[in-house]
């Protein structure tokens, strides 16, 4: 009987361990990104203000962010001023909204922004990409006007999967929580469009994962960074499943939230 009880306790402990760091990877939301340049004489602040005032239809997307590089891959920073990230709940939503724009009758009533987008900035369609983004549960959500976002482009080690990467980042998030930080972390995998390695400049397909952290405020990001500066080892006890490039730091501006 004692043997059975001990075995039962062992199985229970094992199940709790898997539930903490081996949860099934959730279905991702769909994010499209495109890289853009400001027109001459136009500031980032003016574009953000314009985007927030831009009238939108009832079928507009849930979330739109303009992200401005602070410390970023030179391949981006030397060629572009900012990135537009647009989130959809599904491919169906993304495609239906695109079809609605393409099929809109020229005679249908439409409220046009003033000035027009082309008066403010231009975007390079060749940089358009679509990714699946998975938020780790229970992180503090960014709800303000702007904050800071850190990100790293990683490539899976041989034999590891995207689910392994997600579980690894769960372990990293738990390490930060031990230090008192609960910043929202995200794991993104590319669905459409190439990925360029910052280290080599080569375009690589498959096995790429972007790990991002977006703080509720800029001050909280500073506090998070100081935790590792002061010696917090957030990866203690975790087996590496991917190799990552240097961290990037962005200012992210919320320009539209569909539930507001």
Protein backbone atom coordinates (compact mmCIF):
# COMPACT_ATOMS: atom_id res chain seq x y z
CA UNK A 1 0.00 0.00 0.00
CA UNK A 2 2.85 2.38 0.86
CA UNK A 3 4.45 1.64 -2.49
CA UNK A 4 1.20 2.52 -4.27
CA UNK A 5 0.86 5.75 -2.26
CA UNK A 6 4.43 6.78 -3.08
CA UNK A 7 3.85 5.94 -6.75
CA UNK A 8 0.67 7.99 -6.72
CA UNK A 9 2.49 10.98 -5.24
CA UNK A 10 5.24 10.65 -7.84
CA UNK A 11 2.74 10.60 -10.72
CA UNK A 12 0.89 13.60 -9.26
CA UNK A 13 4.13 15.56 -8.93
CA UNK A 14 5.09 14.64 -12.49
CA UNK A 15 1.72 15.84 -13.81
CA UNK A 16 2.06 19.13 -11.93
CA UNK A 17 5.52 19.60 -13.43
CA UNK A 18 4.19 19.10 -16.95
CA UNK A 19 1.26 21.44 -16.31
CA UNK A 20 3.65 24.17 -15.17
CA UNK A 21 6.18 24.00 -18.02
CA UNK A 22 4.76 21.63 -20.62
CA UNK A 23 1.39 23.08 -21.48
CA UNK A 24 0.15 22.51 -24.98
CA UNK A 25 1.16 25.41 -27.20
CA UNK A 26 -1.93 27.58 -27.76
CA UNK A 27 -3.36 28.55 -31.12
CA UNK A 28 -1.72 31.79 -32.22
CA UNK A 29 -3.27 35.07 -33.25
CA UNK A 30 -2.33 36.39 -36.70
CA UNK A 31 0.02 39.36 -36.99
CA UNK A 32 1.01 41.13 -40.20
CA UNK A 33 4.01 43.45 -40.24
CA UNK A 34 5.39 45.86 -42.80
CA UNK A 35 8.37 48.23 -42.72
CA UNK A 36 7.85 51.92 -43.45
CA UNK A 37 9.63 55.26 -43.87
CA UNK A 38 8.54 58.71 -42.79
CA UNK A 39 8.19 61.31 -45.49
CA UNK A 40 10.64 64.17 -45.38
CA UNK A 41 9.68 66.69 -42.71
CA UNK A 42 7.24 64.32 -40.95
CA UNK A 43 8.00 63.20 -37.38
CA UNK A 44 7.14 59.92 -35.70
CA UNK A 45 4.93 61.78 -33.26
CA UNK A 46 2.92 63.28 -36.12
CA UNK A 47 2.39 59.87 -37.73
CA UNK A 48 1.27 58.32 -34.43
CA UNK A 49 -1.16 61.19 -33.83
CA UNK A 50 -2.48 60.85 -37.40
CA UNK A 51 -2.98 57.08 -37.04
CA UNK A 52 -4.92 57.46 -33.80
CA UNK A 53 -7.23 60.02 -35.38
CA UNK A 54 -7.68 58.00 -38.59
CA UNK A 55 -11.38 57.07 -39.02
CA UNK A 56 -11.96 53.32 -39.28
CA UNK A 57 -14.83 51.13 -40.39
CA UNK A 58 -16.73 48.87 -38.01
CA UNK A 59 -14.83 45.87 -39.38
CA UNK A 60 -11.41 47.26 -38.52
CA UNK A 61 -8.76 45.06 -36.97
CA UNK A 62 -8.43 44.53 -33.25
CA UNK A 63 -4.97 45.93 -32.60
CA UNK A 64 -2.55 48.16 -34.52
CA UNK A 65 0.87 49.22 -33.23
CA UNK A 66 3.55 51.46 -34.74
CA UNK A 67 6.97 50.28 -33.55
CA UNK A 68 9.99 52.57 -33.65
CA UNK A 69 13.49 51.08 -33.31
CA UNK A 70 15.72 52.25 -30.46
CA UNK A 71 18.39 49.54 -30.68
CA UNK A 72 17.72 47.26 -33.65
CA UNK A 73 19.20 45.13 -36.40
CA UNK A 74 21.11 47.45 -38.77
CA UNK A 75 19.40 45.73 -41.71
CA UNK A 76 16.22 47.40 -40.47
CA UNK A 77 17.50 50.54 -38.78
CA UNK A 78 19.58 51.66 -41.77
CA UNK A 79 16.67 51.32 -44.18
CA UNK A 80 13.43 52.03 -42.32
CA UNK A 81 11.98 54.35 -39.69
CA UNK A 82 9.25 52.20 -38.18
CA UNK A 83 7.20 49.02 -38.49
CA UNK A 84 3.43 48.61 -38.51
CA UNK A 85 2.15 45.53 -36.66
CA UNK A 86 -1.51 44.63 -37.15
CA UNK A 87 -3.16 41.82 -35.18
CA UNK A 88 -6.13 39.70 -36.30
CA UNK A 89 -7.96 37.03 -34.37
CA UNK A 90 -7.72 34.60 -37.31
CA UNK A 91 -6.75 34.20 -40.97
CA UNK A 92 -10.45 34.41 -41.78
CA UNK A 93 -10.62 37.87 -40.25
CA UNK A 94 -7.45 39.04 -41.98
CA UNK A 95 -8.58 37.80 -45.39
CA UNK A 96 -12.17 38.98 -45.09
CA UNK A 97 -11.03 42.49 -44.22
CA UNK A 98 -8.61 42.48 -47.12
CA UNK A 99 -11.35 41.33 -49.48
CA UNK A 100 -13.72 43.99 -48.17
CA UNK A 101 -11.15 46.70 -48.92
CA UNK A 102 -10.43 45.29 -52.38
CA UNK A 103 -14.11 44.98 -53.32
CA UNK A 104 -15.34 48.24 -51.85
CA UNK A 105 -17.39 50.08 -54.45
CA UNK A 106 -16.02 53.42 -55.53
CA UNK A 107 -19.53 54.81 -55.05
CA UNK A 108 -19.87 53.61 -51.47
CA UNK A 109 -19.67 56.32 -48.82
CA UNK A 110 -16.25 56.42 -47.28
CA UNK A 111 -14.60 58.65 -44.72
CA UNK A 112 -11.06 59.34 -45.87
CA UNK A 113 -8.33 60.45 -43.50
CA UNK A 114 -6.78 63.87 -43.92
CA UNK A 115 -3.96 63.93 -44.79
CA UNK A 116 -3.74 60.65 -46.72
CA UNK A 117 -1.23 57.98 -45.66
CA UNK A 118 0.99 58.73 -48.66
CA UNK A 119 1.32 62.30 -47.40
CA UNK A 120 2.81 60.99 -44.15
CA UNK A 121 4.80 57.83 -44.91
CA UNK A 122 5.46 55.02 -47.36
CA UNK A 123 5.77 51.27 -46.75
CA UNK A 124 7.74 48.63 -48.63
CA UNK A 125 5.40 45.83 -49.71
CA UNK A 126 8.36 43.48 -50.12
CA UNK A 127 8.74 43.47 -46.33
CA UNK A 128 5.17 42.34 -45.67
CA UNK A 129 5.15 39.24 -43.47
CA UNK A 130 2.59 37.25 -41.50
CA UNK A 131 3.35 35.49 -38.22
CA UNK A 132 1.47 33.50 -35.60
CA UNK A 133 1.88 35.10 -32.17
CA UNK A 134 1.28 33.22 -28.94
CA UNK A 135 1.05 35.16 -25.67
CA UNK A 136 2.24 33.38 -22.57
CA UNK A 137 -0.59 33.29 -20.02
CA UNK A 138 -0.99 35.65 -17.06
CA UNK A 139 1.47 38.33 -18.17
CA UNK A 140 0.74 42.00 -17.47
CA UNK A 141 -0.92 43.43 -20.59
CA UNK A 142 0.19 46.73 -22.15
CA UNK A 143 -2.88 48.97 -22.15
CA UNK A 144 -1.35 52.47 -22.38
CA UNK A 145 -0.44 54.72 -25.29
CA UNK A 146 3.20 53.65 -25.59
CA UNK A 147 5.76 51.43 -23.93
CA UNK A 148 8.95 49.51 -24.65
CA UNK A 149 9.28 46.13 -26.36
CA UNK A 150 12.34 43.90 -26.45
CA UNK A 151 12.72 41.10 -28.98
CA UNK A 152 15.20 38.44 -30.09
CA UNK A 153 15.27 36.42 -33.28
CA UNK A 154 16.14 32.80 -32.53
CA UNK A 155 16.70 29.64 -34.58
CA UNK A 156 15.77 26.24 -33.21
CA UNK A 157 18.53 23.78 -32.47
CA UNK A 158 18.40 20.56 -34.46
CA UNK A 159 15.73 18.21 -33.17
CA UNK A 160 13.72 20.89 -31.36
CA UNK A 161 10.24 22.10 -32.26
CA UNK A 162 8.25 25.31 -31.96
CA UNK A 163 6.44 23.74 -29.00
CA UNK A 164 9.84 23.21 -27.33
CA UNK A 165 10.57 26.90 -27.86
CA UNK A 166 7.23 27.90 -26.33
CA UNK A 167 7.83 25.73 -23.26
CA UNK A 168 11.37 27.11 -22.93
CA UNK A 169 10.04 30.69 -22.93
CA UNK A 170 7.49 29.64 -20.30
CA UNK A 171 10.46 28.72 -18.15
CA UNK A 172 12.12 32.10 -18.83
CA UNK A 173 8.90 33.90 -17.84
CA UNK A 174 8.81 31.89 -14.61
CA UNK A 175 12.40 32.95 -13.94
CA UNK A 176 11.45 36.62 -14.26
CA UNK A 177 8.44 36.10 -11.98
CA UNK A 178 10.82 34.78 -9.32
CA UNK A 179 12.44 38.20 -9.50
CA UNK A 180 9.09 40.00 -9.23
CA UNK A 181 8.59 40.83 -12.93
CA UNK A 182 5.44 39.76 -14.77
CA UNK A 183 5.97 41.37 -18.18
CA UNK A 184 3.95 39.85 -21.02
CA UNK A 185 6.07 37.53 -23.19
CA UNK A 186 5.21 36.40 -26.72
CA UNK A 187 6.47 33.68 -29.04
CA UNK A 188 6.06 34.38 -32.77
CA UNK A 189 6.61 31.97 -35.67
CA UNK A 190 6.67 33.07 -39.30
CA UNK A 191 3.81 31.85 -41.49
CA UNK A 192 4.39 33.87 -44.69
CA UNK A 193 7.41 35.85 -45.81
CA UNK A 194 11.17 35.36 -45.43
CA UNK A 195 13.20 35.87 -42.28
CA UNK A 196 16.58 37.55 -42.51
CA UNK A 197 19.27 36.58 -40.02
CA UNK A 198 20.75 39.68 -38.39
CA UNK A 199 24.07 37.93 -37.92
CA UNK A 200 24.66 36.83 -41.51
CA UNK A 201 22.19 38.83 -43.57
CA UNK A 202 21.06 35.57 -45.15
CA UNK A 203 17.40 34.76 -45.62
CA UNK A 204 16.45 31.58 -43.79
CA UNK A 205 13.20 29.63 -43.83
CA UNK A 206 11.88 27.41 -41.07
CA UNK A 207 13.03 26.95 -37.51
CA UNK A 208 12.81 30.65 -36.69
CA UNK A 209 11.20 31.97 -33.52
CA UNK A 210 10.92 35.57 -32.32
CA UNK A 211 10.69 36.01 -28.55
CA UNK A 212 9.29 39.36 -27.43
CA UNK A 213 8.59 41.04 -24.11
CA UNK A 214 6.33 44.09 -23.94
CA UNK A 215 6.08 45.86 -20.60
CA UNK A 216 3.03 47.65 -19.27
CA UNK A 217 5.16 50.81 -18.98
CA UNK A 218 8.66 51.89 -19.98
CA UNK A 219 9.68 52.09 -16.30
CA UNK A 220 8.73 48.44 -15.82
CA UNK A 221 10.91 47.46 -18.77
CA UNK A 222 13.82 49.28 -17.14
CA UNK A 223 13.18 47.39 -13.91
CA UNK A 224 13.05 44.09 -15.82
CA UNK A 225 16.39 44.78 -17.51
CA UNK A 226 17.95 45.67 -14.17
CA UNK A 227 16.95 42.30 -12.74
CA UNK A 228 19.32 40.51 -15.13
CA UNK A 229 21.97 43.23 -14.72
CA UNK A 230 21.88 42.55 -10.99
CA UNK A 231 22.38 38.82 -11.52
CA UNK A 232 18.96 37.17 -11.81
CA UNK A 233 19.47 33.97 -13.82
CA UNK A 234 16.13 33.48 -15.52
CA UNK A 235 17.34 30.45 -17.47
CA UNK A 236 18.51 28.44 -14.47
CA UNK A 237 17.74 24.75 -14.93
CA UNK A 238 16.49 25.11 -18.51
CA UNK A 239 17.95 23.24 -21.47
CA UNK A 240 18.65 25.51 -24.44
CA UNK A 241 16.49 24.65 -27.43
CA UNK A 242 17.49 27.52 -29.73
CA UNK A 243 20.26 29.98 -30.48
CA UNK A 244 19.30 33.66 -30.34
CA UNK A 245 20.69 36.87 -31.77
CA UNK A 246 21.26 40.06 -29.84
CA UNK A 247 18.26 41.70 -28.13
CA UNK A 248 16.52 44.59 -29.86
CA UNK A 249 14.66 47.40 -28.11
CA UNK A 250 11.66 49.18 -29.65
CA UNK A 251 9.23 51.86 -28.63
CA UNK A 252 5.75 50.57 -29.37
CA UNK A 253 2.86 52.98 -29.90
CA UNK A 254 -0.73 51.73 -29.65
CA UNK A 255 -2.64 53.51 -32.41
CA UNK A 256 -5.83 51.45 -32.52
CA UNK A 257 -7.58 48.94 -30.25
CA UNK A 258 -10.81 47.58 -31.64
CA UNK A 259 -12.46 47.17 -28.24
CA UNK A 260 -12.00 50.85 -27.34
